[in-house]
């Protein structure tokens, strides 16, 4: 994929671990990953970025903001 949208609160494997595993794969070492969360807590953004996310958004997501972020990341 050219870009990944990763939900941080997933039932079996949390999004942070999924991001770490993706980053360990050569094919996804530089793929942009946008971390998404509905339950934003202090420090969440930092944890997502430390895990390897390229960007961070909270839900509900403004579609215009998401579209602009995707555009930026795909043309960076």
PDB file of N, CA and C in Angstrom:
ATOM      1  N   UNK A   1       0.827  -1.199   0.000  1.00  0.00           N
ATOM      2  CA  UNK A   1       0.000   0.000   0.000  1.00  0.00           C
ATOM      3  C   UNK A   1       0.869   1.260   0.000  1.00  0.00           C
ATOM      4  N   UNK A   2       0.315   2.323  -0.493  1.00  0.00           N
ATOM      5  CA  UNK A   2       1.032   3.598  -0.498  1.00  0.00           C
ATOM      6  C   UNK A   2       0.904   4.330   0.832  1.00  0.00           C
ATOM      7  N   UNK A   3      -0.121   3.975   1.619  1.00  0.00           N
ATOM      8  CA  UNK A   3      -0.372   4.633   2.895  1.00  0.00           C
ATOM      9  C   UNK A   3      -1.238   3.705   3.738  1.00  0.00           C
ATOM     10  N   UNK A   4      -1.044   3.735   5.053  1.00  0.00           N
ATOM     11  CA  UNK A   4      -1.818   2.884   5.959  1.00  0.00           C
ATOM     12  C   UNK A   4      -2.532   3.755   6.986  1.00  0.00           C
ATOM     13  N   UNK A   5      -3.836   3.510   7.180  1.00  0.00           N
ATOM     14  CA  UNK A   5      -4.601   4.113   8.273  1.00  0.00           C
ATOM     15  C   UNK A   5      -4.698   3.050   9.364  1.00  0.00           C
ATOM     16  N   UNK A   6      -4.161   3.330  10.546  1.00  0.00           N
ATOM     17  CA  UNK A   6      -4.100   2.329  11.612  1.00  0.00           C
ATOM     18  C   UNK A   6      -4.922   2.767  12.813  1.00  0.00           C
ATOM     19  N   UNK A   7      -5.957   1.991  13.128  1.00  0.00           N
ATOM     20  CA  UNK A   7      -6.737   2.237  14.342  1.00  0.00           C
ATOM     21  C   UNK A   7      -5.901   1.749  15.524  1.00  0.00           C
ATOM     22  N   UNK A   8      -5.770   2.558  16.542  1.00  0.00           N
ATOM     23  CA  UNK A   8      -4.934   2.197  17.681  1.00  0.00           C
ATOM     24  C   UNK A   8      -5.643   1.235  18.629  1.00  0.00           C
ATOM     25  N   UNK A   9      -6.958   1.350  18.800  1.00  0.00           N
ATOM     26  CA  UNK A   9      -7.697   0.448  19.678  1.00  0.00           C
ATOM     27  C   UNK A   9      -8.315  -0.684  18.872  1.00  0.00           C
ATOM     28  N   UNK A  10      -7.540  -1.747  18.686  1.00  0.00           N
ATOM     29  CA  UNK A  10      -8.057  -2.925  17.984  1.00  0.00           C
ATOM     30  C   UNK A  10      -8.184  -4.056  19.000  1.00  0.00           C
ATOM     31  N   UNK A  11      -9.072  -5.015  18.766  1.00  0.00           N
ATOM     32  CA  UNK A  11      -9.363  -6.028  19.774  1.00  0.00           C
ATOM     33  C   UNK A  11      -8.233  -7.012  20.092  1.00  0.00           C
ATOM     34  N   UNK A  12      -7.567  -7.559  19.126  1.00  0.00           N
ATOM     35  CA  UNK A  12      -6.578  -8.604  19.408  1.00  0.00           C
ATOM     36  C   UNK A  12      -5.156  -8.074  19.493  1.00  0.00           C
ATOM     37  N   UNK A  13      -4.806  -7.249  18.560  1.00  0.00           N
ATOM     38  CA  UNK A  13      -3.457  -6.701  18.483  1.00  0.00           C
ATOM     39  C   UNK A  13      -3.594  -5.187  18.476  1.00  0.00           C
ATOM     40  N   UNK A  14      -3.035  -4.521  19.487  1.00  0.00           N
ATOM     41  CA  UNK A  14      -3.228  -3.072  19.490  1.00  0.00           C
ATOM     42  C   UNK A  14      -2.454  -2.425  18.352  1.00  0.00           C
ATOM     43  N   UNK A  15      -2.911  -1.255  17.965  1.00  0.00           N
ATOM     44  CA  UNK A  15      -2.343  -0.569  16.814  1.00  0.00           C
ATOM     45  C   UNK A  15      -0.875  -0.234  16.961  1.00  0.00           C
ATOM     46  N   UNK A  16      -0.426   0.049  18.183  1.00  0.00           N
ATOM     47  CA  UNK A  16       0.988   0.362  18.386  1.00  0.00           C
ATOM     48  C   UNK A  16       1.863  -0.834  18.034  1.00  0.00           C
ATOM     49  N   UNK A  17       1.466  -2.010  18.485  1.00  0.00           N
ATOM     50  CA  UNK A  17       2.236  -3.214  18.163  1.00  0.00           C
ATOM     51  C   UNK A  17       2.151  -3.518  16.671  1.00  0.00           C
ATOM     52  N   UNK A  18       0.993  -3.305  16.080  1.00  0.00           N
ATOM     53  CA  UNK A  18       0.850  -3.523  14.634  1.00  0.00           C
ATOM     54  C   UNK A  18       1.781  -2.588  13.860  1.00  0.00           C
ATOM     55  N   UNK A  19       1.883  -1.338  14.301  1.00  0.00           N
ATOM     56  CA  UNK A  19       2.791  -0.391  13.641  1.00  0.00           C
ATOM     57  C   UNK A  19       4.228  -0.871  13.775  1.00  0.00           C
ATOM     58  N   UNK A  20       4.620  -1.289  14.975  1.00  0.00           N
ATOM     59  CA  UNK A  20       5.993  -1.788  15.181  1.00  0.00           C
ATOM     60  C   UNK A  20       6.289  -2.966  14.253  1.00  0.00           C
ATOM     61  N   UNK A  21       5.342  -3.882  14.146  1.00  0.00           N
ATOM     62  CA  UNK A  21       5.543  -5.059  13.284  1.00  0.00           C
ATOM     63  C   UNK A  21       5.641  -4.659  11.818  1.00  0.00           C
ATOM     64  N   UNK A  22       4.805  -3.715  11.396  1.00  0.00           N
ATOM     65  CA  UNK A  22       4.883  -3.244  10.010  1.00  0.00           C
ATOM     66  C   UNK A  22       6.229  -2.589   9.736  1.00  0.00           C
ATOM     67  N   UNK A  23       6.702  -1.770  10.657  1.00  0.00           N
ATOM     68  CA  UNK A  23       7.980  -1.077  10.464  1.00  0.00           C
ATOM     69  C   UNK A  23       9.151  -2.053  10.388  1.00  0.00           C
ATOM     70  N   UNK A  24       9.006  -3.219  10.992  1.00  0.00           N
ATOM     71  CA  UNK A  24      10.068  -4.228  10.948  1.00  0.00           C
ATOM     72  C   UNK A  24      10.160  -4.907   9.584  1.00  0.00           C
ATOM     73  N   UNK A  25       9.128  -4.768   8.766  1.00  0.00           N
ATOM     74  CA  UNK A  25       9.124  -5.360   7.429  1.00  0.00           C
ATOM     75  C   UNK A  25       9.748  -4.377   6.440  1.00  0.00           C
ATOM     76  N   UNK A  26      10.742  -4.811   5.671  1.00  0.00           N
ATOM     77  CA  UNK A  26      11.382  -3.899   4.716  1.00  0.00           C
ATOM     78  C   UNK A  26      10.387  -3.205   3.780  1.00  0.00           C
ATOM     79  N   UNK A  27       9.349  -3.894   3.376  1.00  0.00           N
ATOM     80  CA  UNK A  27       8.378  -3.314   2.443  1.00  0.00           C
ATOM     81  C   UNK A  27       7.600  -2.146   3.051  1.00  0.00           C
ATOM     82  N   UNK A  28       7.568  -2.054   4.384  1.00  0.00           N
ATOM     83  CA  UNK A  28       6.790  -0.996   5.043  1.00  0.00           C
ATOM     84  C   UNK A  28       7.648  -0.082   5.915  1.00  0.00           C
ATOM     85  N   UNK A  29       8.941  -0.149   5.732  1.00  0.00           N
ATOM     86  CA  UNK A  29       9.840   0.663   6.557  1.00  0.00           C
ATOM     87  C   UNK A  29       9.577   2.156   6.401  1.00  0.00           C
ATOM     88  N   UNK A  30       9.155   2.567   5.217  1.00  0.00           N
ATOM     89  CA  UNK A  30       8.920   3.999   4.986  1.00  0.00           C
ATOM     90  C   UNK A  30       7.492   4.316   4.530  1.00  0.00           C
ATOM     91  N   UNK A  31       6.615   3.318   4.523  1.00  0.00           N
ATOM     92  CA  UNK A  31       5.218   3.564   4.162  1.00  0.00           C
ATOM     93  C   UNK A  31       4.597   4.513   5.185  1.00  0.00           C
ATOM     94  N   UNK A  32       3.978   5.596   4.750  1.00  0.00           N
ATOM     95  CA  UNK A  32       3.333   6.491   5.711  1.00  0.00           C
ATOM     96  C   UNK A  32       2.211   5.765   6.464  1.00  0.00           C
ATOM     97  N   UNK A  33       2.197   5.930   7.784  1.00  0.00           N
ATOM     98  CA  UNK A  33       1.160   5.340   8.628  1.00  0.00           C
ATOM     99  C   UNK A  33       0.513   6.455   9.437  1.00  0.00           C
ATOM    100  N   UNK A  34      -0.806   6.583   9.291  1.00  0.00           N
ATOM    101  CA  UNK A  34      -1.564   7.547  10.086  1.00  0.00           C
ATOM    102  C   UNK A  34      -2.254   6.773  11.206  1.00  0.00           C
ATOM    103  N   UNK A  35      -1.906   7.087  12.449  1.00  0.00           N
ATOM    104  CA  UNK A  35      -2.527   6.465  13.613  1.00  0.00           C
ATOM    105  C   UNK A  35      -3.826   7.199  13.925  1.00  0.00           C
ATOM    106  N   UNK A  36      -4.892   6.427  14.147  1.00  0.00           N
ATOM    107  CA  UNK A  36      -6.213   6.990  14.458  1.00  0.00           C
ATOM    108  C   UNK A  36      -6.687   6.467  15.809  1.00  0.00           C
ATOM    109  N   UNK A  37      -7.237   7.340  16.635  1.00  0.00           N
ATOM    110  CA  UNK A  37      -7.774   6.898  17.915  1.00  0.00           C
ATOM    111  C   UNK A  37      -9.001   7.713  18.303  1.00  0.00           C
ATOM    112  N   UNK A  38      -9.953   7.038  18.935  1.00  0.00           N
ATOM    113  CA  UNK A  38     -11.147   7.713  19.437  1.00  0.00           C
ATOM    114  C   UNK A  38     -10.979   8.071  20.911  1.00  0.00           C
ATOM    115  N   UNK A  39     -10.091   7.388  21.591  1.00  0.00           N
ATOM    116  CA  UNK A  39      -9.904   7.584  23.027  1.00  0.00           C
ATOM    117  C   UNK A  39      -8.569   8.265  23.287  1.00  0.00           C
ATOM    118  N   UNK A  40      -8.436   9.479  22.834  1.00  0.00           N
ATOM    119  CA  UNK A  40      -7.172  10.205  22.969  1.00  0.00           C
ATOM    120  C   UNK A  40      -6.881  10.517  24.432  1.00  0.00           C
ATOM    121  N   UNK A  41      -5.702  10.113  24.856  1.00  0.00           N
ATOM    122  CA  UNK A  41      -5.237  10.365  26.216  1.00  0.00           C
ATOM    123  C   UNK A  41      -3.919  11.129  26.134  1.00  0.00           C
ATOM    124  N   UNK A  42      -3.559  11.832  27.210  1.00  0.00           N
ATOM    125  CA  UNK A  42      -2.268  12.520  27.196  1.00  0.00           C
ATOM    126  C   UNK A  42      -1.138  11.536  26.899  1.00  0.00           C
ATOM    127  N   UNK A  43      -0.259  11.905  26.008  1.00  0.00           N
ATOM    128  CA  UNK A  43       0.876  11.057  25.654  1.00  0.00           C
ATOM    129  C   UNK A  43       0.620  10.105  24.506  1.00  0.00           C
ATOM    130  N   UNK A  44      -0.636   9.964  24.072  1.00  0.00           N
ATOM    131  CA  UNK A  44      -0.947   9.028  22.982  1.00  0.00           C
ATOM    132  C   UNK A  44      -0.216   9.380  21.693  1.00  0.00           C
ATOM    133  N   UNK A  45      -0.220  10.647  21.343  1.00  0.00           N
ATOM    134  CA  UNK A  45       0.436  11.051  20.099  1.00  0.00           C
ATOM    135  C   UNK A  45       1.907  10.669  20.136  1.00  0.00           C
ATOM    136  N   UNK A  46       2.570  10.953  21.236  1.00  0.00           N
ATOM    137  CA  UNK A  46       3.986  10.639  21.365  1.00  0.00           C
ATOM    138  C   UNK A  46       4.233   9.137  21.265  1.00  0.00           C
ATOM    139  N   UNK A  47       3.376   8.332  21.928  1.00  0.00           N
ATOM    140  CA  UNK A  47       3.525   6.871  21.867  1.00  0.00           C
ATOM    141  C   UNK A  47       3.352   6.361  20.439  1.00  0.00           C
ATOM    142  N   UNK A  48       2.397   6.918  19.717  1.00  0.00           N
ATOM    143  CA  UNK A  48       2.167   6.501  18.330  1.00  0.00           C
ATOM    144  C   UNK A  48       3.369   6.841  17.453  1.00  0.00           C
ATOM    145  N   UNK A  49       3.882   8.046  17.613  1.00  0.00           N
ATOM    146  CA  UNK A  49       5.031   8.453  16.805  1.00  0.00           C
ATOM    147  C   UNK A  49       6.270   7.638  17.166  1.00  0.00           C
ATOM    148  N   UNK A  50       6.463   7.350  18.451  1.00  0.00           N
ATOM    149  CA  UNK A  50       7.590   6.521  18.876  1.00  0.00           C
ATOM    150  C   UNK A  50       7.485   5.106  18.316  1.00  0.00           C
ATOM    151  N   UNK A  51       6.263   4.591  18.179  1.00  0.00           N
ATOM    152  CA  UNK A  51       6.055   3.244  17.630  1.00  0.00           C
ATOM    153  C   UNK A  51       6.340   3.195  16.133  1.00  0.00           C
ATOM    154  N   UNK A  52       6.355   4.372  15.483  1.00  0.00           N
ATOM    155  CA  UNK A  52       6.654   4.407  14.058  1.00  0.00           C
ATOM    156  C   UNK A  52       5.601   5.048  13.186  1.00  0.00           C
ATOM    157  N   UNK A  53       4.520   5.547  13.798  1.00  0.00           N
ATOM    158  CA  UNK A  53       3.507   6.245  12.998  1.00  0.00           C
ATOM    159  C   UNK A  53       4.115   7.516  12.415  1.00  0.00           C
ATOM    160  N   UNK A  54       3.662   7.858  11.234  1.00  0.00           N
ATOM    161  CA  UNK A  54       4.116   9.073  10.570  1.00  0.00           C
ATOM    162  C   UNK A  54       3.314  10.273  11.046  1.00  0.00           C
ATOM    163  N   UNK A  55       2.037  10.036  11.352  1.00  0.00           N
ATOM    164  CA  UNK A  55       1.132  11.109  11.758  1.00  0.00           C
ATOM    165  C   UNK A  55       0.082  10.535  12.702  1.00  0.00           C
ATOM    166  N   UNK A  56      -0.675  11.421  13.337  1.00  0.00           N
ATOM    167  CA  UNK A  56      -1.644  11.040  14.366  1.00  0.00           C
ATOM    168  C   UNK A  56      -2.898  11.895  14.223  1.00  0.00           C
ATOM    169  N   UNK A  57      -4.059  11.253  14.256  1.00  0.00           N
ATOM    170  CA  UNK A  57      -5.343  11.965  14.213  1.00  0.00           C
ATOM    171  C   UNK A  57      -6.285  11.366  15.252  1.00  0.00           C
ATOM    172  N   UNK A  58      -7.137  12.221  15.821  1.00  0.00           N
ATOM    173  CA  UNK A  58      -8.156  11.730  16.736  1.00  0.00           C
ATOM    174  C   UNK A  58      -9.501  11.661  16.018  1.00  0.00           C
ATOM    175  N   UNK A  59     -10.320  10.710  16.451  1.00  0.00           N
ATOM    176  CA  UNK A  59     -11.670  10.566  15.919  1.00  0.00           C
ATOM    177  C   UNK A  59     -12.609  11.396  16.777  1.00  0.00           C
ATOM    178  N   UNK A  60     -13.680  11.909  16.247  1.00  0.00           N
ATOM    179  CA  UNK A  60     -14.059  11.777  14.847  1.00  0.00           C
ATOM    180  C   UNK A  60     -13.118  12.601  13.963  1.00  0.00           C
ATOM    181  N   UNK A  61     -12.799  12.039  12.830  1.00  0.00           N
ATOM    182  CA  UNK A  61     -11.862  12.657  11.895  1.00  0.00           C
ATOM    183  C   UNK A  61     -12.609  13.624  10.990  1.00  0.00           C
ATOM    184  N   UNK A  62     -12.058  14.805  10.830  1.00  0.00           N
ATOM    185  CA  UNK A  62     -12.597  15.745   9.836  1.00  0.00           C
ATOM    186  C   UNK A  62     -12.105  15.275   8.474  1.00  0.00           C
ATOM    187  N   UNK A  63     -13.008  14.997   7.578  1.00  0.00           N
ATOM    188  CA  UNK A  63     -12.632  14.443   6.274  1.00  0.00           C
ATOM    189  C   UNK A  63     -11.674  15.361   5.524  1.00  0.00           C
ATOM    190  N   UNK A  64     -11.901  16.646   5.609  1.00  0.00           N
ATOM    191  CA  UNK A  64     -11.012  17.579   4.916  1.00  0.00           C
ATOM    192  C   UNK A  64      -9.593  17.486   5.483  1.00  0.00           C
ATOM    193  N   UNK A  65      -9.484  17.422   6.805  1.00  0.00           N
ATOM    194  CA  UNK A  65      -8.177  17.303   7.446  1.00  0.00           C
ATOM    195  C   UNK A  65      -7.481  16.010   7.077  1.00  0.00           C
ATOM    196  N   UNK A  66      -8.241  14.915   7.041  1.00  0.00           N
ATOM    197  CA  UNK A  66      -7.672  13.629   6.651  1.00  0.00           C
ATOM    198  C   UNK A  66      -7.203  13.670   5.205  1.00  0.00           C
ATOM    199  N   UNK A  67      -8.020  14.210   4.331  1.00  0.00           N
ATOM    200  CA  UNK A  67      -7.654  14.293   2.911  1.00  0.00           C
ATOM    201  C   UNK A  67      -6.392  15.129   2.723  1.00  0.00           C
ATOM    202  N   UNK A  68      -6.294  16.243   3.447  1.00  0.00           N
ATOM    203  CA  UNK A  68      -5.107  17.091   3.342  1.00  0.00           C
ATOM    204  C   UNK A  68      -3.866  16.368   3.849  1.00  0.00           C
ATOM    205  N   UNK A  69      -4.014  15.631   4.963  1.00  0.00           N
ATOM    206  CA  UNK A  69      -2.877  14.897   5.510  1.00  0.00           C
ATOM    207  C   UNK A  69      -2.420  13.815   4.542  1.00  0.00           C
ATOM    208  N   UNK A  70      -3.364  13.075   3.975  1.00  0.00           N
ATOM    209  CA  UNK A  70      -3.018  12.030   3.009  1.00  0.00           C
ATOM    210  C   UNK A  70      -2.296  12.643   1.815  1.00  0.00           C
ATOM    211  N   UNK A  71      -2.818  13.734   1.316  1.00  0.00           N
ATOM    212  CA  UNK A  71      -2.192  14.418   0.179  1.00  0.00           C
ATOM    213  C   UNK A  71      -0.752  14.809   0.509  1.00  0.00           C
ATOM    214  N   UNK A  72      -0.541  15.383   1.683  1.00  0.00           N
ATOM    215  CA  UNK A  72       0.807  15.779   2.102  1.00  0.00           C
ATOM    216  C   UNK A  72       1.737  14.579   2.180  1.00  0.00           C
ATOM    217  N   UNK A  73       1.274  13.508   2.814  1.00  0.00           N
ATOM    218  CA  UNK A  73       2.131  12.339   3.015  1.00  0.00           C
ATOM    219  C   UNK A  73       2.464  11.631   1.710  1.00  0.00           C
ATOM    220  N   UNK A  74       1.522  11.587   0.794  1.00  0.00           N
ATOM    221  CA  UNK A  74       1.775  10.905  -0.475  1.00  0.00           C
ATOM    222  C   UNK A  74       2.670  11.709  -1.401  1.00  0.00           C
ATOM    223  N   UNK A  75       2.745  13.007  -1.170  1.00  0.00           N
ATOM    224  CA  UNK A  75       3.567  13.846  -2.042  1.00  0.00           C
ATOM    225  C   UNK A  75       4.765  14.445  -1.313  1.00  0.00           C
ATOM    226  N   UNK A  76       5.129  13.846  -0.192  1.00  0.00           N
ATOM    227  CA  UNK A  76       6.281  14.345   0.584  1.00  0.00           C
ATOM    228  C   UNK A  76       7.592  13.899  -0.042  1.00  0.00           C
TER     229      UNK A  76
END
